[in-house]
Amino acid sequence: MGIIISIIIGCVCGFLAGKIMKGGGFGFLINLLLGIIGGAVGSWLFGLLGIDWGGLIGEIGTGTIGAIVVLWIASLFKK
């Protein structure tokens, strides 16, 4: 059940990151996939910095920031 929740949170984060990065998105489905990857990237980045946000809101915040980073990196290759 935990993996399903993680995928849903990643999709929400990808959607939010696509809305935050106007013009940097790749479309609805790709943003959702990048959001799932971004959740892992955000957790890794925050782990390196020693930051730990607890709860659902913290997971969404971490995933959204990770998804923004992934979208930004992907937009560099898009150009």
Protein backbone atom coordinates (compact mmCIF):
# COMPACT_ATOMS: atom_id res chain seq x y z
CA MET A 1 0.00 0.00 0.00
CA GLY A 2 2.91 2.36 0.69
CA ILE A 3 4.14 2.31 -2.91
CA ILE A 4 0.70 3.29 -4.20
CA ILE A 5 0.57 6.26 -1.82
CA SER A 6 4.09 7.28 -2.91
CA ILE A 7 3.05 7.18 -6.57
CA ILE A 8 -0.06 9.26 -5.86
CA ILE A 9 1.98 11.82 -3.90
CA GLY A 10 4.53 11.91 -6.74
CA CYS A 11 1.76 12.58 -9.25
CA VAL A 12 0.43 15.43 -7.12
CA CYS A 13 3.94 16.85 -6.83
CA GLY A 14 4.47 16.62 -10.59
CA PHE A 15 1.19 18.42 -11.19
CA LEU A 16 2.14 21.18 -8.72
CA ALA A 17 5.63 21.53 -10.17
CA GLY A 18 4.17 21.84 -13.69
CA LYS A 19 1.91 24.64 -12.47
CA ILE A 20 4.75 26.42 -10.65
CA MET A 21 7.14 26.19 -13.62
CA LYS A 22 5.09 27.87 -16.29
CA GLY A 23 6.59 27.12 -19.68
CA GLY A 24 8.91 24.54 -18.13
CA GLY A 25 6.48 21.67 -18.20
CA PHE A 26 6.27 18.83 -20.67
CA GLY A 27 2.58 18.11 -20.58
CA PHE A 28 0.35 16.49 -18.01
CA LEU A 29 1.55 12.87 -18.19
CA ILE A 30 5.27 13.61 -18.41
CA ASN A 31 4.98 16.08 -15.52
CA LEU A 32 3.34 13.34 -13.45
CA LEU A 33 6.13 10.89 -14.26
CA LEU A 34 8.77 13.51 -13.50
CA GLY A 35 6.94 14.20 -10.24
CA ILE A 36 7.36 10.58 -9.18
CA ILE A 37 11.08 10.80 -9.97
CA GLY A 38 11.17 14.22 -8.29
CA GLY A 39 9.87 12.74 -5.05
CA ALA A 40 12.93 10.52 -4.87
CA VAL A 41 15.24 13.37 -5.88
CA GLY A 42 13.70 15.68 -3.27
CA SER A 43 14.10 13.07 -0.54
CA TRP A 44 17.72 12.55 -1.55
CA LEU A 45 18.50 16.30 -1.67
CA PHE A 46 16.84 16.99 1.66
CA GLY A 47 18.63 13.99 3.18
CA LEU A 48 21.97 15.46 2.11
CA LEU A 49 21.04 18.77 3.73
CA GLY A 50 19.75 17.09 6.89
CA ILE A 51 16.23 18.46 6.45
CA ASP A 52 13.33 16.25 7.48
CA TRP A 53 9.75 17.42 6.98
CA GLY A 54 7.29 15.11 8.61
CA GLY A 55 3.79 14.17 7.57
CA LEU A 56 1.86 14.32 4.35
CA ILE A 57 2.40 18.05 3.80
CA GLY A 58 6.14 17.59 4.26
CA GLU A 59 6.20 14.77 1.74
CA ILE A 60 4.29 16.87 -0.78
CA GLY A 61 6.63 19.82 -0.19
CA THR A 62 9.72 17.68 -0.55
CA GLY A 63 8.37 15.96 -3.66
CA THR A 64 7.32 19.23 -5.25
CA ILE A 65 10.75 20.77 -4.74
CA GLY A 66 12.36 17.63 -6.15
CA ALA A 67 9.98 17.67 -9.12
CA ILE A 68 10.82 21.33 -9.79
CA VAL A 69 14.52 20.41 -9.82
CA VAL A 70 13.87 17.49 -12.19
CA LEU A 71 11.69 19.66 -14.48
CA TRP A 72 14.33 22.37 -14.53
CA ILE A 73 17.06 19.87 -15.46
CA ALA A 74 14.81 18.28 -18.11
CA SER A 75 14.05 21.74 -19.57
CA LEU A 76 17.79 22.25 -20.11
CA PHE A 77 17.78 19.25 -22.44
CA LYS A 78 14.55 20.35 -24.12
CA LYS A 79 16.14 23.49 -25.60
